[in-house]
N, C-alpha and C. Protein backbone atom coordinates (compact mmCIF):
# COMPACT_ATOMS: atom_id res chain seq x y z
N MET A 1 174.40 -97.05 122.92
CA MET A 1 174.88 -98.87 122.58
C MET A 1 175.49 -99.10 120.86
N LYS A 2 174.42 -98.37 120.17
CA LYS A 2 175.07 -98.25 118.54
C LYS A 2 176.24 -98.18 118.06
N LEU A 3 176.40 -97.18 118.62
CA LEU A 3 177.87 -97.00 118.61
C LEU A 3 179.04 -97.45 119.08
N ILE A 4 178.90 -98.09 119.81
CA ILE A 4 180.13 -98.83 120.13
C ILE A 4 180.17 -99.92 119.24
N LEU A 5 178.68 -100.71 118.56
CA LEU A 5 178.65 -101.89 117.84
C LEU A 5 178.69 -101.25 116.59
N SER A 6 179.09 -99.97 115.82
CA SER A 6 179.14 -99.03 114.86
C SER A 6 180.91 -99.81 114.96
N THR A 7 181.62 -99.22 116.05
CA THR A 7 182.90 -99.28 115.75
C THR A 7 183.31 -100.27 115.99
N ALA A 8 183.04 -101.29 116.78
CA ALA A 8 183.07 -102.87 116.79
C ALA A 8 183.36 -103.65 115.58
N ALA A 9 182.36 -103.58 114.54
CA ALA A 9 182.17 -103.84 113.17
C ALA A 9 182.87 -102.92 112.33
N THR A 10 183.28 -101.66 112.37
CA THR A 10 184.44 -100.77 111.77
C THR A 10 185.36 -101.72 112.42
N VAL A 11 185.69 -101.68 113.17
CA VAL A 11 187.59 -102.28 113.92
C VAL A 11 187.80 -103.27 112.86
N LEU A 12 186.71 -104.46 113.22
CA LEU A 12 186.29 -105.54 112.26
C LEU A 12 186.81 -105.90 111.39
N ALA A 13 186.23 -105.04 110.62
CA ALA A 13 186.18 -104.34 109.10
C ALA A 13 188.10 -104.26 108.41
N LEU A 14 188.07 -103.25 109.61
CA LEU A 14 189.82 -102.74 109.25
C LEU A 14 190.82 -103.55 110.30
N SER A 15 190.45 -104.48 110.54
CA SER A 15 191.76 -105.18 111.48
C SER A 15 192.82 -105.95 110.69
N GLY A 16 193.89 -105.97 111.53
CA GLY A 16 195.09 -106.35 110.78
C GLY A 16 194.91 -108.15 110.25
N THR A 17 193.95 -108.49 110.15
CA THR A 17 193.68 -110.08 110.08
C THR A 17 193.40 -110.24 108.79
N ALA A 18 194.76 -110.74 107.93
CA ALA A 18 194.40 -110.72 106.31
C ALA A 18 193.77 -112.58 106.11
N PHE A 19 193.07 -112.08 105.22
CA PHE A 19 192.82 -113.37 104.90
C PHE A 19 192.74 -113.42 102.92
N ALA A 20 193.20 -114.91 102.89
CA ALA A 20 193.65 -115.53 102.02
C ALA A 20 192.46 -115.06 100.57
N GLU A 21 192.72 -114.81 99.75
CA GLU A 21 191.57 -114.18 98.45
C GLU A 21 191.13 -115.98 98.02
N GLY A 22 189.80 -115.83 98.10
CA GLY A 22 188.79 -116.93 98.05
C GLY A 22 188.78 -117.54 96.58
N ASP A 23 188.73 -118.63 96.26
CA ASP A 23 188.36 -119.16 94.94
C ASP A 23 187.09 -119.75 94.84
N VAL A 24 186.47 -118.63 93.79
CA VAL A 24 184.92 -118.76 93.36
C VAL A 24 184.22 -120.42 93.02
N GLU A 25 185.34 -121.25 92.42
CA GLU A 25 184.76 -122.60 92.07
C GLU A 25 184.85 -123.54 93.09
N LYS A 26 186.37 -123.52 93.87
CA LYS A 26 186.34 -124.35 95.17
C LYS A 26 184.81 -123.77 96.20
N GLY A 27 184.40 -122.54 95.84
CA GLY A 27 183.08 -122.03 96.88
C GLY A 27 181.99 -122.69 96.44
N ALA A 28 182.18 -122.93 95.41
CA ALA A 28 180.59 -123.26 94.91
C ALA A 28 180.72 -124.61 95.27
N LYS A 29 181.68 -125.81 95.50
CA LYS A 29 182.07 -127.23 95.75
C LYS A 29 181.71 -127.04 97.48
N ASP A 30 182.47 -126.14 97.81
CA ASP A 30 182.32 -125.82 99.48
C ASP A 30 180.87 -125.66 99.98
N PHE A 31 180.18 -124.94 99.15
CA PHE A 31 179.22 -124.39 99.35
C PHE A 31 177.83 -125.59 99.57
N LYS A 32 178.24 -126.80 99.45
CA LYS A 32 177.43 -128.03 99.32
C LYS A 32 177.46 -128.07 100.92
N LYS A 33 178.52 -128.15 102.00
CA LYS A 33 178.08 -128.07 102.95
C LYS A 33 177.52 -127.00 103.90
N CYS A 34 176.77 -126.00 103.47
CA CYS A 34 176.04 -125.24 103.61
C CYS A 34 174.47 -124.85 103.40
N LYS A 35 174.37 -126.05 102.33
CA LYS A 35 172.81 -126.09 101.90
C LYS A 35 172.07 -126.82 102.31
N ALA A 36 172.48 -127.78 103.24
CA ALA A 36 171.61 -128.15 104.65
C ALA A 36 171.08 -127.21 105.10
N CYS A 37 171.38 -125.82 105.28
CA CYS A 37 170.66 -125.09 105.71
C CYS A 37 170.03 -124.09 105.03
N HIS A 38 170.92 -123.54 104.09
CA HIS A 38 170.90 -122.16 102.93
C HIS A 38 170.75 -122.71 101.97
N ALA A 39 169.68 -122.14 101.46
CA ALA A 39 169.58 -121.66 99.68
C ALA A 39 169.96 -120.41 99.22
N ILE A 40 170.37 -120.33 97.90
CA ILE A 40 170.93 -119.06 97.45
C ILE A 40 169.85 -119.17 96.07
N VAL A 41 168.82 -118.16 96.77
CA VAL A 41 167.14 -118.09 95.79
C VAL A 41 167.54 -116.42 95.23
N ASP A 42 167.90 -115.98 94.02
CA ASP A 42 167.64 -114.95 93.31
C ASP A 42 166.71 -114.02 93.93
N ASP A 43 166.64 -112.78 93.08
CA ASP A 43 165.25 -111.87 93.56
C ASP A 43 163.97 -112.16 93.03
N GLU A 44 164.09 -113.32 91.29
CA GLU A 44 162.61 -113.79 90.85
C GLU A 44 162.55 -114.99 91.25
N GLY A 45 163.23 -115.32 92.16
CA GLY A 45 162.52 -116.82 93.33
C GLY A 45 163.29 -117.72 92.64
N GLU A 46 163.94 -117.52 91.39
CA GLU A 46 164.71 -118.92 91.02
C GLU A 46 166.06 -119.38 91.54
N ALA A 47 165.77 -120.66 91.71
CA ALA A 47 167.04 -121.26 92.70
C ALA A 47 168.51 -121.38 92.15
N ILE A 48 169.36 -120.48 92.27
CA ILE A 48 170.41 -120.84 91.70
C ILE A 48 171.59 -122.20 92.76
N VAL A 49 170.45 -122.48 93.88
CA VAL A 49 171.30 -123.42 94.96
C VAL A 49 169.99 -123.93 95.50
N LYS A 50 169.27 -124.80 95.65
CA LYS A 50 168.30 -125.34 96.55
C LYS A 50 169.16 -126.06 97.47
N GLY A 51 168.37 -125.76 98.85
CA GLY A 51 168.67 -125.97 100.07
C GLY A 51 167.82 -125.89 101.19
N GLY A 52 168.44 -125.89 102.51
CA GLY A 52 167.35 -125.73 103.39
C GLY A 52 167.33 -124.49 103.67
N LYS A 53 165.74 -124.30 104.54
CA LYS A 53 165.32 -123.10 105.36
C LYS A 53 165.99 -122.96 106.96
N THR A 54 166.49 -123.51 107.69
CA THR A 54 166.70 -123.39 108.22
C THR A 54 167.92 -122.03 108.92
N GLY A 55 168.91 -121.53 107.61
CA GLY A 55 169.08 -120.40 107.93
C GLY A 55 168.93 -119.62 106.70
N PRO A 56 169.18 -118.12 106.59
CA PRO A 56 168.49 -117.00 105.58
C PRO A 56 169.24 -117.77 104.43
N ASN A 57 168.09 -116.96 103.45
CA ASN A 57 169.08 -116.90 101.81
C ASN A 57 170.04 -116.23 101.72
N LEU A 58 170.95 -117.20 101.14
CA LEU A 58 172.43 -116.00 100.91
C LEU A 58 172.66 -115.25 99.73
N TYR A 59 171.79 -115.31 98.87
CA TYR A 59 171.58 -114.49 97.50
C TYR A 59 172.04 -113.26 98.28
N GLY A 60 173.22 -112.45 97.44
CA GLY A 60 173.19 -110.96 97.96
C GLY A 60 173.81 -110.78 99.14
N VAL A 61 174.49 -111.37 99.72
CA VAL A 61 174.43 -111.25 101.50
C VAL A 61 175.67 -110.44 101.96
N ILE A 62 176.59 -110.74 101.07
CA ILE A 62 177.81 -109.59 100.83
C ILE A 62 177.11 -108.19 100.66
N GLY A 63 177.36 -107.10 101.66
CA GLY A 63 176.65 -106.24 101.80
C GLY A 63 175.24 -105.83 101.88
N ARG A 64 174.93 -107.02 103.09
CA ARG A 64 173.66 -106.72 103.13
C ARG A 64 174.23 -106.59 105.05
N THR A 65 172.89 -106.13 105.43
CA THR A 65 173.28 -105.27 107.11
C THR A 65 172.82 -106.98 107.90
N ALA A 66 173.02 -107.42 108.55
CA ALA A 66 173.45 -108.37 109.21
C ALA A 66 171.58 -108.58 110.04
N GLY A 67 171.43 -109.96 109.80
CA GLY A 67 170.04 -110.02 110.83
C GLY A 67 168.83 -108.81 110.05
N THR A 68 168.98 -108.66 108.96
CA THR A 68 167.92 -108.38 107.88
C THR A 68 167.39 -109.12 106.73
N TYR A 69 167.12 -110.83 106.46
CA TYR A 69 166.90 -110.89 105.58
C TYR A 69 165.71 -110.94 105.53
N PRO A 70 164.38 -110.43 104.85
CA PRO A 70 163.01 -110.54 105.22
C PRO A 70 162.56 -111.91 105.31
N ASP A 71 161.62 -112.04 106.85
CA ASP A 71 160.52 -112.83 106.88
C ASP A 71 161.79 -114.06 107.42
N PHE A 72 162.74 -113.64 107.86
CA PHE A 72 163.06 -115.18 108.75
C PHE A 72 163.66 -114.43 109.79
N ARG A 73 163.65 -115.45 110.39
CA ARG A 73 163.44 -115.24 112.38
C ARG A 73 165.15 -115.53 112.81
N TYR A 74 165.83 -114.35 112.61
CA TYR A 74 167.00 -114.46 113.30
C TYR A 74 167.33 -114.58 114.83
N GLY A 75 168.43 -114.81 115.38
CA GLY A 75 168.54 -114.54 116.94
C GLY A 75 168.64 -113.14 117.09
N ALA A 76 168.54 -112.97 118.51
CA ALA A 76 168.78 -111.26 119.11
C ALA A 76 170.21 -111.22 118.93
N SER A 77 171.46 -112.08 118.87
CA SER A 77 172.57 -111.14 119.12
C SER A 77 172.89 -111.01 117.32
N ILE A 78 172.39 -111.83 116.43
CA ILE A 78 172.82 -111.24 115.37
C ILE A 78 172.12 -110.01 114.94
N VAL A 79 170.55 -110.19 115.34
CA VAL A 79 169.95 -108.95 115.25
C VAL A 79 171.15 -107.29 115.88
N ALA A 80 171.41 -107.69 116.92
CA ALA A 80 171.91 -106.59 117.75
C ALA A 80 173.37 -106.01 117.35
N ALA A 81 174.08 -106.55 116.44
CA ALA A 81 174.64 -106.94 115.18
C ALA A 81 174.47 -105.56 113.92
N GLY A 82 173.63 -106.46 113.07
CA GLY A 82 172.78 -105.50 112.13
C GLY A 82 172.19 -104.07 112.91
N GLU A 83 171.40 -104.35 114.23
CA GLU A 83 171.11 -103.07 114.48
C GLU A 83 172.15 -101.91 114.58
N GLY A 84 173.86 -102.31 114.98
CA GLY A 84 174.97 -101.49 115.43
C GLY A 84 175.80 -101.26 114.32
N GLY A 85 174.87 -101.75 113.00
CA GLY A 85 176.04 -101.35 111.86
C GLY A 85 176.96 -102.42 111.30
N LEU A 86 176.48 -103.56 111.43
CA LEU A 86 177.30 -105.12 111.13
C LEU A 86 176.82 -104.90 109.80
N VAL A 87 177.53 -104.47 108.40
CA VAL A 87 177.34 -105.26 107.22
C VAL A 87 178.25 -106.04 106.44
N TRP A 88 177.55 -107.26 106.14
CA TRP A 88 178.73 -108.41 105.70
C TRP A 88 179.35 -107.68 104.75
N THR A 89 180.73 -108.10 104.93
CA THR A 89 181.60 -107.89 103.68
C THR A 89 182.39 -109.50 103.56
N GLU A 90 182.90 -109.51 102.81
CA GLU A 90 183.53 -111.33 102.27
C GLU A 90 184.44 -111.67 103.71
N GLU A 91 185.47 -110.61 104.25
CA GLU A 91 186.25 -110.34 105.08
C GLU A 91 185.45 -110.76 106.21
N LEU A 92 184.12 -110.00 106.76
CA LEU A 92 183.72 -110.09 107.75
C LEU A 92 182.62 -111.79 108.17
N LEU A 93 182.23 -112.19 106.78
CA LEU A 93 181.89 -113.53 106.75
C LEU A 93 182.46 -114.62 106.84
N ILE A 94 183.67 -114.72 106.42
CA ILE A 94 184.59 -115.28 106.61
C ILE A 94 185.13 -115.56 108.63
N GLU A 95 185.28 -114.47 108.99
CA GLU A 95 185.51 -114.41 110.19
C GLU A 95 184.10 -115.80 111.18
N TYR A 96 183.01 -114.76 110.78
CA TYR A 96 181.78 -115.08 111.40
C TYR A 96 181.54 -116.77 111.27
N ALA A 97 181.61 -117.12 109.83
CA ALA A 97 181.50 -118.79 109.88
C ALA A 97 182.70 -119.29 110.37
N MET A 98 183.65 -119.05 110.63
CA MET A 98 184.77 -120.22 110.95
C MET A 98 184.65 -120.03 112.71
N ASP A 99 183.50 -119.25 113.10
CA ASP A 99 183.16 -119.16 114.63
C ASP A 99 181.72 -118.12 114.77
N PRO A 100 180.94 -118.46 115.00
CA PRO A 100 179.66 -117.91 114.85
C PRO A 100 179.35 -117.07 116.16
N LYS A 101 179.43 -117.79 117.08
CA LYS A 101 179.03 -117.11 118.66
C LYS A 101 180.65 -116.82 118.54
N LYS A 102 181.84 -116.82 118.77
CA LYS A 102 182.91 -116.01 118.93
C LYS A 102 182.76 -114.77 118.15
N PHE A 103 182.37 -114.72 116.66
CA PHE A 103 182.61 -113.62 116.00
C PHE A 103 181.53 -112.43 116.85
N LEU A 104 180.13 -113.24 116.82
CA LEU A 104 178.99 -112.21 117.92
C LEU A 104 179.62 -111.82 118.96
N ALA A 105 180.51 -112.28 119.73
CA ALA A 105 180.68 -111.83 120.82
C ALA A 105 181.32 -110.89 120.72
N LYS A 106 182.75 -111.03 120.04
CA LYS A 106 183.28 -109.82 119.98
C LYS A 106 182.96 -108.75 119.41
N VAL A 107 181.93 -108.35 117.76
CA VAL A 107 181.18 -107.79 117.80
C VAL A 107 180.20 -106.87 118.63
N LEU A 108 179.87 -107.73 119.94
CA LEU A 108 179.09 -107.11 120.55
C LEU A 108 179.28 -106.69 121.51
N GLY A 109 180.46 -107.21 121.84
CA GLY A 109 181.39 -106.47 123.36
C GLY A 109 181.22 -107.13 124.24
N GLY A 110 180.69 -108.63 124.52
CA GLY A 110 180.12 -109.66 125.40
C GLY A 110 179.71 -110.70 124.67
N ALA A 111 178.72 -111.49 125.82
CA ALA A 111 178.42 -112.51 125.76
C ALA A 111 177.51 -112.68 124.19
N ALA A 112 177.19 -113.91 123.69
CA ALA A 112 175.93 -113.48 122.32
C ALA A 112 175.73 -115.49 122.08
N LYS A 113 174.85 -115.25 121.27
CA LYS A 113 174.48 -116.92 120.84
C LYS A 113 174.45 -116.30 119.45
N SER A 114 174.81 -117.32 119.33
CA SER A 114 174.74 -117.78 117.09
C SER A 114 173.18 -119.22 117.14
N ASN A 115 171.92 -118.80 116.65
CA ASN A 115 171.71 -119.88 115.94
C ASN A 115 172.52 -120.86 115.07
N MET A 116 173.63 -120.26 114.31
CA MET A 116 174.45 -121.11 113.57
C MET A 116 175.31 -122.00 114.10
N THR A 117 175.42 -123.01 114.16
CA THR A 117 176.35 -123.65 115.00
C THR A 117 177.49 -124.22 114.48
N PHE A 118 177.27 -124.68 112.91
CA PHE A 118 178.40 -125.15 112.28
C PHE A 118 179.94 -123.91 111.77
N LYS A 119 180.76 -124.58 111.97
CA LYS A 119 181.50 -123.95 111.93
C LYS A 119 182.50 -124.54 110.38
N LEU A 120 182.99 -123.29 109.94
CA LEU A 120 183.74 -123.48 109.04
C LEU A 120 185.60 -123.65 109.00
N LYS A 121 185.72 -124.44 108.78
CA LYS A 121 187.40 -124.33 109.22
C LYS A 121 188.34 -123.44 108.01
N LYS A 122 187.67 -123.20 106.78
CA LYS A 122 188.59 -122.55 105.50
C LYS A 122 186.77 -122.08 105.08
N ALA A 123 186.80 -120.89 105.13
CA ALA A 123 185.74 -120.01 104.97
C ALA A 123 185.29 -119.02 103.50
N GLU A 124 187.05 -118.73 103.38
CA GLU A 124 187.55 -117.75 101.66
C GLU A 124 186.91 -118.00 100.63
N HIS A 125 186.44 -119.26 100.66
CA HIS A 125 186.33 -119.55 99.17
C HIS A 125 184.84 -119.41 98.95
N VAL A 126 184.13 -119.95 100.30
CA VAL A 126 182.40 -119.97 100.22
C VAL A 126 182.23 -118.21 100.46
N ALA A 127 183.01 -117.70 100.78
CA ALA A 127 182.53 -116.13 100.84
C ALA A 127 182.52 -115.59 99.32
N ALA A 128 184.03 -116.20 98.64
CA ALA A 128 184.10 -115.59 97.71
C ALA A 128 182.91 -115.97 96.67
N TYR A 129 182.36 -117.31 96.55
CA TYR A 129 181.12 -117.60 96.07
C TYR A 129 180.03 -116.91 95.93
N LEU A 130 179.71 -116.47 97.69
CA LEU A 130 178.74 -116.07 97.62
C LEU A 130 178.60 -114.38 97.38
N ALA A 131 179.83 -113.86 97.40
CA ALA A 131 179.78 -112.72 96.67
C ALA A 131 179.70 -112.40 95.18
N SER A 132 179.94 -113.82 94.58
CA SER A 132 180.09 -114.12 93.15
C SER A 132 178.44 -114.52 92.76
N VAL A 133 177.21 -114.72 93.54
CA VAL A 133 175.90 -114.69 93.41
C VAL A 133 175.58 -113.51 94.34
N ALA A 134 175.50 -112.95 93.82
CA ALA A 134 175.01 -111.73 94.06
C ALA A 134 174.36 -110.78 93.03
N PRO A 135 173.34 -109.99 93.13
CA PRO A 135 172.51 -109.30 92.02
C PRO A 135 173.63 -108.10 91.68
N ALA A 136 173.14 -107.46 90.58
CA ALA A 136 174.33 -107.08 90.01
C ALA A 136 173.79 -105.41 90.35
N PRO A 137 174.92 -104.69 91.07
CA PRO A 137 174.76 -103.52 91.27
C PRO A 137 174.26 -102.68 90.36
N MET A 138 173.12 -101.61 91.20
CA MET A 138 172.31 -100.73 90.03
C MET A 138 173.05 -99.48 90.31
N ALA A 139 173.21 -98.91 88.82
CA ALA A 139 173.50 -97.36 89.11
C ALA A 139 172.29 -96.69 89.90
N GLU A 140 172.88 -95.58 90.58
CA GLU A 140 172.58 -94.56 90.83
C GLU A 140 171.86 -93.51 90.08
N GLU A 141 170.66 -93.09 89.81
CA GLU A 141 170.36 -92.19 89.13
C GLU A 141 171.09 -90.91 88.89
N GLY A 142 171.34 -90.46 89.88
CA GLY A 142 172.59 -89.38 90.02
C GLY A 142 173.96 -89.52 89.14
N ASP A 143 174.33 -90.69 89.36
CA ASP A 143 175.94 -91.22 88.98
C ASP A 143 175.90 -90.90 87.38
N ALA A 144 174.88 -91.24 86.66
CA ALA A 144 175.43 -91.19 85.00
C ALA A 144 175.49 -89.42 85.01
N ALA A 145 174.43 -88.42 85.62
CA ALA A 145 174.38 -87.06 85.56
C ALA A 145 176.12 -86.56 86.19
N GLU A 146 176.29 -87.16 86.86
CA GLU A 146 177.53 -86.08 87.41
C GLU A 146 178.64 -86.23 86.65
N GLY A 147 178.61 -87.31 85.78
CA GLY A 147 180.10 -87.66 85.48
C GLY A 147 179.51 -86.87 83.86
N GLU A 148 178.87 -86.79 83.41
CA GLU A 148 178.11 -85.63 82.47
C GLU A 148 178.80 -84.23 82.49
N GLY A 149 179.24 -83.47 80.99
CA GLY A 149 179.37 -82.01 81.19
C GLY A 149 180.96 -81.78 81.97
N GLU A 150 181.30 -82.81 82.09
CA GLU A 150 183.21 -82.17 82.55
C GLU A 150 183.77 -82.27 81.83
N GLY A 151 184.70 -81.27 81.22
CA GLY A 151 185.36 -81.16 80.37
C GLY A 151 186.64 -82.21 80.44
N GLU A 152 187.53 -81.65 79.17
CA GLU A 152 188.74 -82.75 79.74
C GLU A 152 189.43 -81.76 80.12
N GLY A 153 190.63 -82.52 80.86
CA GLY A 153 191.49 -81.75 81.39
C GLY A 153 191.01 -80.97 82.78
N GLU A 154 189.74 -81.04 83.12
CA GLU A 154 189.48 -80.69 84.58
C GLU A 154 189.99 -81.56 85.44
N ALA A 155 190.20 -81.09 86.26
CA ALA A 155 190.26 -81.78 88.21
C ALA A 155 189.14 -81.99 88.77
N ALA A 156 188.95 -83.46 88.96
CA ALA A 156 187.35 -83.84 89.53
C ALA A 156 188.05 -83.22 91.04
N SER A 157 187.20 -82.21 92.40
CA SER A 157 188.04 -81.86 93.84
C SER A 157 187.16 -83.24 94.54
N ASP A 158 187.63 -83.41 95.18
CA ASP A 158 187.16 -84.65 96.52
C ASP A 158 186.31 -83.47 97.37
């Protein structure tokens, strides 16, 4: 089952569906529709956008495994999608926000339910905005050391 879900998530991520690049400023305005259910609160507890608690905190949602925000009670379908390997990208979040139930059914390969009933007709701006309100990527300890000691002219191997 996990292999099927992982494969489905990969197919969705690599599908030919093209999405227009979102506008962060427009997304901040469009997020007003979302804040009835969702807040954006950073890791220090500072509210970037005060909002409802019906939906999970969306701070750092891009790159997060679906259905895993701590202490939030998710529906079974979104949890199953996350357990199957679904990790939010801007493109996947766009597709989900446009029709959550249909998206989960596609990912899970059958019937699905979604606790999110709201549908965004144009979600690319909100996805771009959510990508912009995320924790700064942390460098792995080994990353800095790997680049050290390489001389000029040396070719990196794959």
